[in-house]
Amino acid sequence: MGYRLASVEDVRAAVDAAESTQVDALIARHLMGASDAVRSLCSREFTPWFGTRYFSWPNDQMSTSWRLWLDADELAAQPERIEASGVEITDYFCEPANAGPPYNRVELDLATAATFAGGLTPQRAVAITGAFCGCPIVSEALGELVGTIGESDTSATLTAAAQVGNLLVLGSEYVEVTALAWATADTMSSSLPDDSTVQTITLNSGIDARPGELLLIDAELVRVRDVAGLVLIVERAAGGSALASHSNGAAVHARRVATLARGACGTIPASHAATSPVRRHVVPEAPRSLTIAETLYRVQRDAGSWATATKVAGGTTATELERMREDVKASHGRNLRKRAI
């Protein structure tokens, strides 16, 4: 199963679209299709899968007897185990040694008696267990869990903002963020006038706010530009909301309650303790940017009301998009091999 290579918030921010259920629905409708298009263009995955992949041996790869091409099942790290007809193989090399990961083939050590052959049938003769991905697996620190979650829980409160479509890493488990809800994160320690030139908010406790994050105070949205301790520098009346005054002690809400699809990427759901670290999977920038552009182009083409909904004129043109596709295919595309008929 493929996952989204960008978030709804990424796409919305690219055109500074208003905070709107209508806009988010338009984006979400096309984001997965755009992600699939980028994967197809590059003939590789940019999100990981953990588990066992099976290969026939002998097969139609027109290769030597000691080399197994992985094709779309590239390894993101040294495998945990390789078996041939149920017998573990330990004498092998993952290649290319100097350029990987990802590794696009496994070669037996010719100085040993290791072999891929030996089964009664070629079907699923070779089994490789490990982490599969068409790029190195990279994650960044996001925050922590506020409370414990059991292996069957489908929501969690985070100390920092995730985005819809993010893959989060909790211990050895990956989870996908499918929705976000507001939660009270702090209160203001002073009042705030309905004056757009007043762009600082002082908090009582402090939250792990990040530049670009939207916060909700009463009915006004503010976008965080910078953080200095308990002081937030913000853009007022963000996302098309109305400028308003707010009293001392007003609640500051953040989207910190995440609805989760558990056991993503082939991992197994588990229980996680409060304050457990949360990390976010990082998609390479070029495929991510192309996914955003593909999504915007599809939305613009599909919905005549898009320009009105976003208050943005113009957008990604077909020529610009084709140039981006060529660049991403050149930098991240996997060369396809000729196969036997």
C-alpha atoms as a PDB file:
ATOM      1  CA  MET A   1       0.000   0.000   0.000  1.00  0.00           C
ATOM      2  CA  GLY A   2       1.316   3.435  -0.923  1.00  0.00           C
ATOM      3  CA  TYR A   3       0.987   6.413   1.371  1.00  0.00           C
ATOM      4  CA  ARG A   4       0.656  10.103   0.661  1.00  0.00           C
ATOM      5  CA  LEU A   5       3.932  11.824  -0.153  1.00  0.00           C
ATOM      6  CA  ALA A   6       2.744  15.210   1.122  1.00  0.00           C
ATOM      7  CA  SER A   7       0.128  16.447   3.564  1.00  0.00           C
ATOM      8  CA  VAL A   8      -3.116  18.335   3.039  1.00  0.00           C
ATOM      9  CA  GLU A   9      -1.520  21.220   4.955  1.00  0.00           C
ATOM     10  CA  ASP A  10       1.490  21.195   2.587  1.00  0.00           C
ATOM     11  CA  VAL A  11      -0.789  21.673  -0.414  1.00  0.00           C
ATOM     12  CA  ARG A  12      -2.958  24.297   1.264  1.00  0.00           C
ATOM     13  CA  ALA A  13       0.082  26.278   2.387  1.00  0.00           C
ATOM     14  CA  ALA A  14       1.516  26.267  -1.154  1.00  0.00           C
ATOM     15  CA  VAL A  15      -1.284  28.577  -2.298  1.00  0.00           C
ATOM     16  CA  ASP A  16      -2.112  30.139   1.089  1.00  0.00           C
ATOM     17  CA  ALA A  17      -5.620  28.707   0.820  1.00  0.00           C
ATOM     18  CA  ALA A  18      -8.250  29.592   3.378  1.00  0.00           C
ATOM     19  CA  GLU A  19      -8.894  27.159   6.226  1.00  0.00           C
ATOM     20  CA  SER A  20     -11.927  25.392   4.790  1.00  0.00           C
ATOM     21  CA  THR A  21     -13.508  21.945   4.872  1.00  0.00           C
ATOM     22  CA  GLN A  22     -14.357  22.399   1.186  1.00  0.00           C
ATOM     23  CA  VAL A  23     -10.769  23.167   0.249  1.00  0.00           C
ATOM     24  CA  ASP A  24      -9.376  20.287   2.334  1.00  0.00           C
ATOM     25  CA  ALA A  25     -11.832  17.857   0.716  1.00  0.00           C
ATOM     26  CA  LEU A  26     -10.724  18.983  -2.752  1.00  0.00           C
ATOM     27  CA  ILE A  27      -7.091  18.503  -1.805  1.00  0.00           C
ATOM     28  CA  ALA A  28      -7.572  15.128  -0.117  1.00  0.00           C
ATOM     29  CA  ARG A  29      -9.505  13.824  -3.121  1.00  0.00           C
ATOM     30  CA  HIS A  30      -6.490  14.268  -5.388  1.00  0.00           C
ATOM     31  CA  LEU A  31      -3.521  13.910  -3.017  1.00  0.00           C
ATOM     32  CA  MET A  32      -3.346  10.111  -3.095  1.00  0.00           C
ATOM     33  CA  GLY A  33      -3.675  10.027  -6.872  1.00  0.00           C
ATOM     34  CA  ALA A  34      -0.877  12.578  -7.182  1.00  0.00           C
ATOM     35  CA  SER A  35       1.304  10.508  -4.824  1.00  0.00           C
ATOM     36  CA  ASP A  36       0.675   7.392  -6.917  1.00  0.00           C
ATOM     37  CA  ALA A  37       1.587   9.328 -10.071  1.00  0.00           C
ATOM     38  CA  VAL A  38       4.940  10.366  -8.573  1.00  0.00           C
ATOM     39  CA  ARG A  39       5.680   6.794  -7.475  1.00  0.00           C
ATOM     40  CA  SER A  40       4.809   5.540 -10.963  1.00  0.00           C
ATOM     41  CA  LEU A  41       6.933   8.210 -12.622  1.00  0.00           C
ATOM     42  CA  CYS A  42       9.969   7.246 -10.540  1.00  0.00           C
ATOM     43  CA  SER A  43       9.197   3.502 -10.417  1.00  0.00           C
ATOM     44  CA  ARG A  44      10.013   3.423  -6.718  1.00  0.00           C
ATOM     45  CA  GLU A  45       8.554   3.899  -3.244  1.00  0.00           C
ATOM     46  CA  PHE A  46       9.365   6.847  -0.973  1.00  0.00           C
ATOM     47  CA  THR A  47       7.675   5.451   2.143  1.00  0.00           C
ATOM     48  CA  PRO A  48       8.952   2.313   3.902  1.00  0.00           C
ATOM     49  CA  TRP A  49       7.488  -1.159   4.254  1.00  0.00           C
ATOM     50  CA  PHE A  50       8.740  -3.636   6.852  1.00  0.00           C
ATOM     51  CA  GLY A  51       8.333  -7.365   6.457  1.00  0.00           C
ATOM     52  CA  THR A  52       9.126 -10.195   4.039  1.00  0.00           C
ATOM     53  CA  ARG A  53       9.213 -10.023   0.228  1.00  0.00           C
ATOM     54  CA  TYR A  54       9.308 -13.145  -1.931  1.00  0.00           C
ATOM     55  CA  PHE A  55      11.135 -13.784  -5.202  1.00  0.00           C
ATOM     56  CA  SER A  56      11.061 -16.652  -7.682  1.00  0.00           C
ATOM     57  CA  TRP A  57      14.281 -18.566  -8.376  1.00  0.00           C
ATOM     58  CA  PRO A  58      15.179 -19.197 -11.103  1.00  0.00           C
ATOM     59  CA  ASN A  59      13.345 -16.229 -12.598  1.00  0.00           C
ATOM     60  CA  ASP A  60      13.095 -14.155 -15.778  1.00  0.00           C
ATOM     61  CA  GLN A  61      15.693 -11.532 -14.822  1.00  0.00           C
ATOM     62  CA  MET A  62      18.281 -12.685 -17.416  1.00  0.00           C
ATOM     63  CA  SER A  63      20.904 -12.372 -14.699  1.00  0.00           C
ATOM     64  CA  THR A  64      23.743 -14.521 -13.411  1.00  0.00           C
ATOM     65  CA  SER A  65      23.064 -17.329 -10.944  1.00  0.00           C
ATOM     66  CA  TRP A  66      24.572 -15.382  -8.062  1.00  0.00           C
ATOM     67  CA  ARG A  67      22.723 -12.053  -8.500  1.00  0.00           C
ATOM     68  CA  LEU A  68      19.116 -11.307  -7.501  1.00  0.00           C
ATOM     69  CA  TRP A  69      17.701  -7.998  -8.721  1.00  0.00           C
ATOM     70  CA  LEU A  70      15.173  -6.529  -6.282  1.00  0.00           C
ATOM     71  CA  ASP A  71      13.462  -4.253  -8.844  1.00  0.00           C
ATOM     72  CA  ALA A  72      10.679  -2.301  -7.071  1.00  0.00           C
ATOM     73  CA  ASP A  73      11.466  -4.017  -3.749  1.00  0.00           C
ATOM     74  CA  GLU A  74      14.635  -2.043  -3.039  1.00  0.00           C
ATOM     75  CA  LEU A  75      16.166  -2.452   0.413  1.00  0.00           C
ATOM     76  CA  ALA A  76      16.574   0.616   2.602  1.00  0.00           C
ATOM     77  CA  ALA A  77      19.079  -1.149   4.869  1.00  0.00           C
ATOM     78  CA  GLN A  78      20.871  -4.447   5.289  1.00  0.00           C
ATOM     79  CA  PRO A  79      18.170  -7.162   5.522  1.00  0.00           C
ATOM     80  CA  GLU A  80      17.354  -8.975   8.725  1.00  0.00           C
ATOM     81  CA  ARG A  81      17.286 -12.362   7.013  1.00  0.00           C
ATOM     82  CA  ILE A  82      17.562 -13.956   3.573  1.00  0.00           C
ATOM     83  CA  GLU A  83      16.322 -17.497   2.962  1.00  0.00           C
ATOM     84  CA  ALA A  84      16.511 -19.712  -0.107  1.00  0.00           C
ATOM     85  CA  SER A  85      14.047 -22.600  -0.019  1.00  0.00           C
ATOM     86  CA  GLY A  86      13.860 -22.265   3.762  1.00  0.00           C
ATOM     87  CA  VAL A  87      17.637 -22.237   4.306  1.00  0.00           C
ATOM     88  CA  GLU A  88      19.176 -19.034   5.664  1.00  0.00           C
ATOM     89  CA  ILE A  89      21.830 -17.369   3.523  1.00  0.00           C
ATOM     90  CA  THR A  90      24.465 -15.352   5.344  1.00  0.00           C
ATOM     91  CA  ASP A  91      27.157 -14.996   2.674  1.00  0.00           C
ATOM     92  CA  TYR A  92      25.944 -12.169   0.455  1.00  0.00           C
ATOM     93  CA  PHE A  93      26.480  -8.517  -0.425  1.00  0.00           C
ATOM     94  CA  CYS A  94      23.873  -5.773  -0.827  1.00  0.00           C
ATOM     95  CA  GLU A  95      24.739  -3.599  -3.816  1.00  0.00           C
ATOM     96  CA  PRO A  96      25.615  -0.981  -4.836  1.00  0.00           C
ATOM     97  CA  ALA A  97      27.885  -0.920  -1.797  1.00  0.00           C
ATOM     98  CA  ASN A  98      29.250   2.571  -2.395  1.00  0.00           C
ATOM     99  CA  ALA A  99      26.003   4.246  -3.461  1.00  0.00           C
ATOM    100  CA  GLY A 100      23.329   2.496  -1.386  1.00  0.00           C
ATOM    101  CA  PRO A 101      20.999   2.496   0.289  1.00  0.00           C
ATOM    102  CA  PRO A 102      18.709   1.906  -1.388  1.00  0.00           C
ATOM    103  CA  TYR A 103      20.125  -1.411  -2.504  1.00  0.00           C
ATOM    104  CA  ASN A 104      18.797  -2.675  -5.836  1.00  0.00           C
ATOM    105  CA  ARG A 105      20.274  -6.178  -5.786  1.00  0.00           C
ATOM    106  CA  VAL A 106      21.653  -8.960  -3.596  1.00  0.00           C
ATOM    107  CA  GLU A 107      24.792 -10.795  -4.748  1.00  0.00           C
ATOM    108  CA  LEU A 108      26.062 -14.028  -3.253  1.00  0.00           C
ATOM    109  CA  ASP A 109      29.640 -14.115  -1.999  1.00  0.00           C
ATOM    110  CA  LEU A 110      31.387 -16.093  -4.736  1.00  0.00           C
ATOM    111  CA  ALA A 111      34.075 -17.179  -2.282  1.00  0.00           C
ATOM    112  CA  THR A 112      31.459 -19.352  -0.545  1.00  0.00           C
ATOM    113  CA  ALA A 113      29.066 -22.141  -1.491  1.00  0.00           C
ATOM    114  CA  ALA A 114      25.973 -19.984  -0.977  1.00  0.00           C
ATOM    115  CA  THR A 115      23.225 -20.514  -3.553  1.00  0.00           C
ATOM    116  CA  PHE A 116      19.707 -19.275  -4.283  1.00  0.00           C
ATOM    117  CA  ALA A 117      18.739 -22.663  -5.755  1.00  0.00           C
ATOM    118  CA  GLY A 118      17.585 -25.883  -4.125  1.00  0.00           C
ATOM    119  CA  GLY A 119      13.786 -25.761  -3.961  1.00  0.00           C
ATOM    120  CA  LEU A 120      11.288 -28.112  -5.606  1.00  0.00           C
ATOM    121  CA  THR A 121       9.592 -25.136  -7.295  1.00  0.00           C
ATOM    122  CA  PRO A 122      10.817 -21.672  -8.314  1.00  0.00           C
ATOM    123  CA  GLN A 123       7.797 -19.917  -6.791  1.00  0.00           C
ATOM    124  CA  ARG A 124       8.669 -17.819  -3.726  1.00  0.00           C
ATOM    125  CA  ALA A 125      11.966 -19.649  -3.460  1.00  0.00           C
ATOM    126  CA  VAL A 126      13.821 -16.647  -2.018  1.00  0.00           C
ATOM    127  CA  ALA A 127      12.475 -14.719   0.984  1.00  0.00           C
ATOM    128  CA  ILE A 128      14.025 -11.456   2.165  1.00  0.00           C
ATOM    129  CA  THR A 129      12.975  -9.893   5.475  1.00  0.00           C
ATOM    130  CA  GLY A 130      13.865  -6.274   6.170  1.00  0.00           C
ATOM    131  CA  ALA A 131      13.043  -2.634   5.478  1.00  0.00           C
ATOM    132  CA  PHE A 132      12.066  -1.908   1.887  1.00  0.00           C
ATOM    133  CA  CYS A 133      12.080   1.612   0.456  1.00  0.00           C
ATOM    134  CA  GLY A 134      13.349   3.334  -2.664  1.00  0.00           C
ATOM    135  CA  CYS A 135      15.257   5.905  -0.616  1.00  0.00           C
ATOM    136  CA  PRO A 136      17.051   6.005   2.747  1.00  0.00           C
ATOM    137  CA  ILE A 137      14.567   5.971   5.637  1.00  0.00           C
ATOM    138  CA  VAL A 138      14.806   9.344   7.373  1.00  0.00           C
ATOM    139  CA  SER A 139      12.690  10.674  10.236  1.00  0.00           C
ATOM    140  CA  GLU A 140      12.696  13.880  12.256  1.00  0.00           C
ATOM    141  CA  ALA A 141      11.777  14.518  15.889  1.00  0.00           C
ATOM    142  CA  LEU A 142       8.223  15.819  16.256  1.00  0.00           C
ATOM    143  CA  GLY A 143       7.444  15.739  19.976  1.00  0.00           C
ATOM    144  CA  GLU A 144       6.012  13.304  22.510  1.00  0.00           C
ATOM    145  CA  LEU A 145       2.799  11.502  23.383  1.00  0.00           C
ATOM    146  CA  VAL A 146       0.761  13.347  26.009  1.00  0.00           C
ATOM    147  CA  GLY A 147      -0.782  10.168  27.428  1.00  0.00           C
ATOM    148  CA  THR A 148      -0.510   6.431  26.981  1.00  0.00           C
ATOM    149  CA  ILE A 149      -2.110   4.668  24.020  1.00  0.00           C
ATOM    150  CA  GLY A 150      -2.976   0.990  23.801  1.00  0.00           C
ATOM    151  CA  GLU A 151      -2.421  -1.180  20.772  1.00  0.00           C
ATOM    152  CA  SER A 152      -6.060  -0.785  19.676  1.00  0.00           C
ATOM    153  CA  ASP A 153      -6.426   2.972  20.312  1.00  0.00           C
ATOM    154  CA  THR A 154      -7.013   5.043  17.200  1.00  0.00           C
ATOM    155  CA  SER A 155      -6.287   8.530  18.533  1.00  0.00           C
ATOM    156  CA  ALA A 156      -3.471  10.198  20.435  1.00  0.00           C
ATOM    157  CA  THR A 157      -2.688  13.645  21.781  1.00  0.00           C
ATOM    158  CA  LEU A 158       0.721  14.997  20.764  1.00  0.00           C
ATOM    159  CA  THR A 159       2.875  17.748  22.223  1.00  0.00           C
ATOM    160  CA  ALA A 160       3.582  19.118  18.721  1.00  0.00           C
ATOM    161  CA  ALA A 161       1.557  19.504  15.562  1.00  0.00           C
ATOM    162  CA  ALA A 162       1.414  16.717  12.990  1.00  0.00           C
ATOM    163  CA  GLN A 163      -0.304  17.007   9.606  1.00  0.00           C
ATOM    164  CA  VAL A 164      -2.945  14.916   7.866  1.00  0.00           C
ATOM    165  CA  GLY A 165      -1.106  12.325   5.791  1.00  0.00           C
ATOM    166  CA  ASN A 166       2.037  12.258   7.942  1.00  0.00           C
ATOM    167  CA  LEU A 167       3.609   8.909   8.792  1.00  0.00           C
ATOM    168  CA  LEU A 168       4.633   9.003  12.451  1.00  0.00           C
ATOM    169  CA  VAL A 169       7.099   6.648  14.131  1.00  0.00           C
ATOM    170  CA  LEU A 170       6.298   5.384  17.646  1.00  0.00           C
ATOM    171  CA  GLY A 171       9.009   2.991  18.729  1.00  0.00           C
ATOM    172  CA  SER A 172       8.984   0.241  16.100  1.00  0.00           C
ATOM    173  CA  GLU A 173       5.452   1.091  14.937  1.00  0.00           C
ATOM    174  CA  TYR A 174       4.485   3.416  12.100  1.00  0.00           C
ATOM    175  CA  VAL A 175       1.090   5.145  12.172  1.00  0.00           C
ATOM    176  CA  GLU A 176      -0.643   7.318   9.586  1.00  0.00           C
ATOM    177  CA  VAL A 177      -2.377  10.550  10.619  1.00  0.00           C
ATOM    178  CA  THR A 178      -5.831  10.534   9.002  1.00  0.00           C
ATOM    179  CA  ALA A 179      -7.431  13.495  10.815  1.00  0.00           C
ATOM    180  CA  LEU A 180      -6.676  16.169  13.412  1.00  0.00           C
ATOM    181  CA  ALA A 181      -8.825  17.840  16.065  1.00  0.00           C
ATOM    182  CA  TRP A 182      -8.363  20.945  18.209  1.00  0.00           C
ATOM    183  CA  ALA A 183      -7.289  20.699  21.839  1.00  0.00           C
ATOM    184  CA  THR A 184      -6.651  23.417  24.413  1.00  0.00           C
ATOM    185  CA  ALA A 185      -2.875  23.774  24.544  1.00  0.00           C
ATOM    186  CA  ASP A 186      -2.367  26.894  26.704  1.00  0.00           C
ATOM    187  CA  THR A 187      -3.847  30.234  27.775  1.00  0.00           C
ATOM    188  CA  MET A 188      -2.754  33.794  27.093  1.00  0.00           C
ATOM    189  CA  SER A 189      -1.147  35.804  29.895  1.00  0.00           C
ATOM    190  CA  SER A 190      -2.314  39.142  28.492  1.00  0.00           C
ATOM    191  CA  SER A 191      -5.088  40.529  26.302  1.00  0.00           C
ATOM    192  CA  LEU A 192      -4.848  40.921  22.536  1.00  0.00           C
ATOM    193  CA  PRO A 193      -6.548  43.819  20.683  1.00  0.00           C
ATOM    194  CA  ASP A 194      -8.265  43.595  17.299  1.00  0.00           C
ATOM    195  CA  ASP A 195      -5.277  45.304  15.706  1.00  0.00           C
ATOM    196  CA  SER A 196      -3.392  43.445  12.968  1.00  0.00           C
ATOM    197  CA  THR A 197      -0.169  45.298  13.828  1.00  0.00           C
ATOM    198  CA  VAL A 198      -0.085  43.600  17.258  1.00  0.00           C
ATOM    199  CA  GLN A 199       1.521  40.300  16.322  1.00  0.00           C
ATOM    200  CA  THR A 200       2.891  38.899  19.573  1.00  0.00           C
ATOM    201  CA  ILE A 201       1.117  36.544  21.946  1.00  0.00           C
ATOM    202  CA  THR A 202       2.436  35.743  25.416  1.00  0.00           C
ATOM    203  CA  LEU A 203       1.469  32.371  26.867  1.00  0.00           C
ATOM    204  CA  ASN A 204       1.223  31.204  30.463  1.00  0.00           C
ATOM    205  CA  SER A 205       2.926  27.818  30.079  1.00  0.00           C
ATOM    206  CA  GLY A 206       4.340  27.542  26.572  1.00  0.00           C
ATOM    207  CA  ILE A 207       3.651  24.997  23.865  1.00  0.00           C
ATOM    208  CA  ASP A 208       5.868  23.336  21.320  1.00  0.00           C
ATOM    209  CA  ALA A 209       4.636  25.607  18.532  1.00  0.00           C
ATOM    210  CA  ARG A 210       6.374  25.446  15.163  1.00  0.00           C
ATOM    211  CA  PRO A 211       6.644  28.124  12.439  1.00  0.00           C
ATOM    212  CA  GLY A 212       3.736  27.687  10.043  1.00  0.00           C
ATOM    213  CA  GLU A 213       1.418  26.080  12.622  1.00  0.00           C
ATOM    214  CA  LEU A 214      -2.125  27.409  12.914  1.00  0.00           C
ATOM    215  CA  LEU A 215      -3.534  28.167  16.372  1.00  0.00           C
ATOM    216  CA  LEU A 216      -7.119  29.060  17.268  1.00  0.00           C
ATOM    217  CA  ILE A 217      -8.018  31.799  19.783  1.00  0.00           C
ATOM    218  CA  ASP A 218     -11.764  32.198  20.152  1.00  0.00           C
ATOM    219  CA  ALA A 219     -12.795  32.320  16.464  1.00  0.00           C
ATOM    220  CA  GLU A 220      -9.569  33.834  15.093  1.00  0.00           C
ATOM    221  CA  LEU A 221      -6.842  31.744  13.495  1.00  0.00           C
ATOM    222  CA  VAL A 222      -3.240  32.885  13.895  1.00  0.00           C
ATOM    223  CA  ARG A 223      -0.233  31.444  12.069  1.00  0.00           C
ATOM    224  CA  VAL A 224       2.998  31.069  14.039  1.00  0.00           C
ATOM    225  CA  ARG A 225       5.959  32.825  12.439  1.00  0.00           C
ATOM    226  CA  ASP A 226       8.525  32.510  15.214  1.00  0.00           C
ATOM    227  CA  VAL A 227       8.841  31.405  18.844  1.00  0.00           C
ATOM    228  CA  ALA A 228      10.803  33.063  21.654  1.00  0.00           C
ATOM    229  CA  GLY A 229      10.129  31.200  24.880  1.00  0.00           C
ATOM    230  CA  LEU A 230       6.585  32.012  25.986  1.00  0.00           C
ATOM    231  CA  VAL A 231       6.200  34.633  23.258  1.00  0.00           C
ATOM    232  CA  LEU A 232       4.788  33.730  19.847  1.00  0.00           C
ATOM    233  CA  ILE A 233       5.201  35.997  16.845  1.00  0.00           C
ATOM    234  CA  VAL A 234       2.157  35.396  14.663  1.00  0.00           C
ATOM    235  CA  GLU A 235       0.254  36.391  11.565  1.00  0.00           C
ATOM    236  CA  ARG A 236      -3.177  37.627  12.638  1.00  0.00           C
ATOM    237  CA  ALA A 237      -6.493  36.655  10.988  1.00  0.00           C
ATOM    238  CA  ALA A 238      -4.888  33.745   9.135  1.00  0.00           C
ATOM    239  CA  GLY A 239      -6.704  31.314   6.860  1.00  0.00           C
ATOM    240  CA  GLY A 240      -9.464  33.788   6.045  1.00  0.00           C
ATOM    241  CA  SER A 241     -10.598  34.162   9.672  1.00  0.00           C
ATOM    242  CA  ALA A 242     -11.774  37.477  11.138  1.00  0.00           C
ATOM    243  CA  LEU A 243      -9.549  39.714  13.224  1.00  0.00           C
ATOM    244  CA  ALA A 244     -10.848  39.997  16.800  1.00  0.00           C
ATOM    245  CA  SER A 245      -9.869  41.047  20.310  1.00  0.00           C
ATOM    246  CA  HIS A 246      -9.122  38.439  22.972  1.00  0.00           C
ATOM    247  CA  SER A 247      -9.105  38.732  26.741  1.00  0.00           C
ATOM    248  CA  ASN A 248      -6.369  37.840  29.207  1.00  0.00           C
ATOM    249  CA  GLY A 249      -6.609  34.113  29.932  1.00  0.00           C
ATOM    250  CA  ALA A 250      -8.236  33.236  26.599  1.00  0.00           C
ATOM    251  CA  ALA A 251      -7.640  29.625  25.591  1.00  0.00           C
ATOM    252  CA  VAL A 252      -5.152  28.888  22.825  1.00  0.00           C
ATOM    253  CA  HIS A 253      -6.121  25.807  20.831  1.00  0.00           C
ATOM    254  CA  ALA A 254      -3.816  23.698  18.662  1.00  0.00           C
ATOM    255  CA  ARG A 255      -4.482  20.706  16.419  1.00  0.00           C
ATOM    256  CA  ARG A 256      -2.787  18.163  18.635  1.00  0.00           C
ATOM    257  CA  VAL A 257      -5.369  15.312  18.739  1.00  0.00           C
ATOM    258  CA  ALA A 258      -4.487  12.954  15.898  1.00  0.00           C
ATOM    259  CA  THR A 259      -6.681  10.186  14.510  1.00  0.00           C
ATOM    260  CA  LEU A 260      -4.348   7.337  13.601  1.00  0.00           C
ATOM    261  CA  ALA A 261      -4.336   4.366  11.246  1.00  0.00           C
ATOM    262  CA  ARG A 262      -2.360   1.912  13.349  1.00  0.00           C
ATOM    263  CA  GLY A 263       0.231  -0.588  12.158  1.00  0.00           C
ATOM    264  CA  ALA A 264       1.157   1.306   8.992  1.00  0.00           C
ATOM    265  CA  CYS A 265       3.969   0.214   6.648  1.00  0.00           C
ATOM    266  CA  GLY A 266       3.688  -3.421   7.678  1.00  0.00           C
ATOM    267  CA  THR A 267       4.464  -2.741  11.354  1.00  0.00           C
ATOM    268  CA  ILE A 268       2.590  -4.244  14.310  1.00  0.00           C
ATOM    269  CA  PRO A 269       0.410  -2.082  16.612  1.00  0.00           C
ATOM    270  CA  ALA A 270       1.805  -1.807  20.141  1.00  0.00           C
ATOM    271  CA  SER A 271       1.176   0.067  23.386  1.00  0.00           C
ATOM    272  CA  HIS A 272       3.145   3.274  23.936  1.00  0.00           C
ATOM    273  CA  ALA A 273       3.746   5.089  27.204  1.00  0.00           C
ATOM    274  CA  ALA A 274       3.169   8.755  27.946  1.00  0.00           C
ATOM    275  CA  THR A 275       6.111  10.998  26.925  1.00  0.00           C
ATOM    276  CA  SER A 276       7.220   8.404  24.339  1.00  0.00           C
ATOM    277  CA  PRO A 277       9.084  10.216  21.557  1.00  0.00           C
ATOM    278  CA  VAL A 278       7.230  10.791  18.294  1.00  0.00           C
ATOM    279  CA  ARG A 279       9.110  11.078  15.016  1.00  0.00           C
ATOM    280  CA  ARG A 280       7.864  11.940  11.533  1.00  0.00           C
ATOM    281  CA  HIS A 281       8.914  10.156   8.329  1.00  0.00           C
ATOM    282  CA  VAL A 282      10.580  12.537   5.867  1.00  0.00           C
ATOM    283  CA  VAL A 283       9.836  12.162   2.148  1.00  0.00           C
ATOM    284  CA  PRO A 284      12.671  13.432  -0.103  1.00  0.00           C
ATOM    285  CA  GLU A 285      12.042  17.053  -1.038  1.00  0.00           C
ATOM    286  CA  ALA A 286      11.874  16.697  -4.825  1.00  0.00           C
ATOM    287  CA  PRO A 287       9.163  13.954  -4.886  1.00  0.00           C
ATOM    288  CA  ARG A 288       7.278  15.775  -2.125  1.00  0.00           C
ATOM    289  CA  SER A 289       7.288  19.083  -4.035  1.00  0.00           C
ATOM    290  CA  LEU A 290       6.162  17.362  -7.234  1.00  0.00           C
ATOM    291  CA  THR A 291       3.316  15.683  -5.317  1.00  0.00           C
ATOM    292  CA  ILE A 292       2.145  19.105  -4.116  1.00  0.00           C
ATOM    293  CA  ALA A 293       2.306  20.515  -7.653  1.00  0.00           C
ATOM    294  CA  GLU A 294       0.512  17.466  -9.114  1.00  0.00           C
ATOM    295  CA  THR A 295      -2.238  17.815  -6.525  1.00  0.00           C
ATOM    296  CA  LEU A 296      -2.720  21.530  -7.198  1.00  0.00           C
ATOM    297  CA  TYR A 297      -2.850  20.982 -10.948  1.00  0.00           C
ATOM    298  CA  ARG A 298      -5.442  18.222 -10.604  1.00  0.00           C
ATOM    299  CA  VAL A 299      -7.572  20.289  -8.257  1.00  0.00           C
ATOM    300  CA  GLN A 300      -7.417  23.316 -10.554  1.00  0.00           C
ATOM    301  CA  ARG A 301      -8.344  21.176 -13.543  1.00  0.00           C
ATOM    302  CA  ASP A 302     -11.165  19.419 -11.696  1.00  0.00           C
ATOM    303  CA  ALA A 303     -12.836  22.277  -9.824  1.00  0.00           C
ATOM    304  CA  GLY A 304     -13.767  25.580 -11.432  1.00  0.00           C
ATOM    305  CA  SER A 305     -14.407  27.028  -7.985  1.00  0.00           C
ATOM    306  CA  TRP A 306     -10.826  26.459  -6.829  1.00  0.00           C
ATOM    307  CA  ALA A 307      -9.601  29.999  -7.506  1.00  0.00           C
ATOM    308  CA  THR A 308     -12.546  31.415  -5.591  1.00  0.00           C
ATOM    309  CA  ALA A 309     -12.094  29.013  -2.692  1.00  0.00           C
ATOM    310  CA  THR A 310      -8.395  29.763  -2.291  1.00  0.00           C
ATOM    311  CA  LYS A 311      -8.458  33.460  -3.157  1.00  0.00           C
ATOM    312  CA  VAL A 312      -5.420  32.757  -5.347  1.00  0.00           C
ATOM    313  CA  ALA A 313      -5.213  33.522  -9.059  1.00  0.00           C
ATOM    314  CA  GLY A 314      -3.335  31.245 -11.448  1.00  0.00           C
ATOM    315  CA  GLY A 315      -1.448  28.153 -10.365  1.00  0.00           C
ATOM    316  CA  THR A 316       0.793  25.410 -11.673  1.00  0.00           C
ATOM    317  CA  THR A 317       0.756  25.295 -15.486  1.00  0.00           C
ATOM    318  CA  ALA A 318       1.075  22.139 -17.564  1.00  0.00           C
ATOM    319  CA  THR A 319       4.467  23.295 -18.867  1.00  0.00           C
ATOM    320  CA  GLU A 320       5.826  23.971 -15.373  1.00  0.00           C
ATOM    321  CA  LEU A 321       4.526  20.621 -14.164  1.00  0.00           C
ATOM    322  CA  GLU A 322       6.119  18.740 -17.062  1.00  0.00           C
ATOM    323  CA  ARG A 323       9.452  20.385 -16.279  1.00  0.00           C
ATOM    324  CA  MET A 324       9.166  19.320 -12.631  1.00  0.00           C
ATOM    325  CA  ARG A 325       8.342  15.759 -13.691  1.00  0.00           C
ATOM    326  CA  GLU A 326      11.423  15.582 -15.891  1.00  0.00           C
ATOM    327  CA  ASP A 327      13.638  16.904 -13.096  1.00  0.00           C
ATOM    328  CA  VAL A 328      12.283  14.465 -10.496  1.00  0.00           C
ATOM    329  CA  LYS A 329      12.500  11.493 -12.854  1.00  0.00           C
ATOM    330  CA  ALA A 330      16.125  12.417 -13.599  1.00  0.00           C
ATOM    331  CA  SER A 331      17.044  12.771  -9.920  1.00  0.00           C
ATOM    332  CA  HIS A 332      14.925  10.014  -8.322  1.00  0.00           C
ATOM    333  CA  GLY A 333      13.774   7.698 -11.125  1.00  0.00           C
ATOM    334  CA  ARG A 334      14.721   4.024 -11.052  1.00  0.00           C
ATOM    335  CA  ASN A 335      16.134   2.610 -14.291  1.00  0.00           C
ATOM    336  CA  LEU A 336      13.970  -0.290 -15.433  1.00  0.00           C
ATOM    337  CA  ARG A 337      15.683  -3.446 -16.600  1.00  0.00           C
ATOM    338  CA  LYS A 338      14.773  -5.477 -19.684  1.00  0.00           C
ATOM    339  CA  ARG A 339      13.154  -8.756 -18.672  1.00  0.00           C
ATOM    340  CA  ALA A 340      12.900 -12.080 -20.448  1.00  0.00           C
ATOM    341  CA  ILE A 341       9.622 -12.861 -22.215  1.00  0.00           C
END
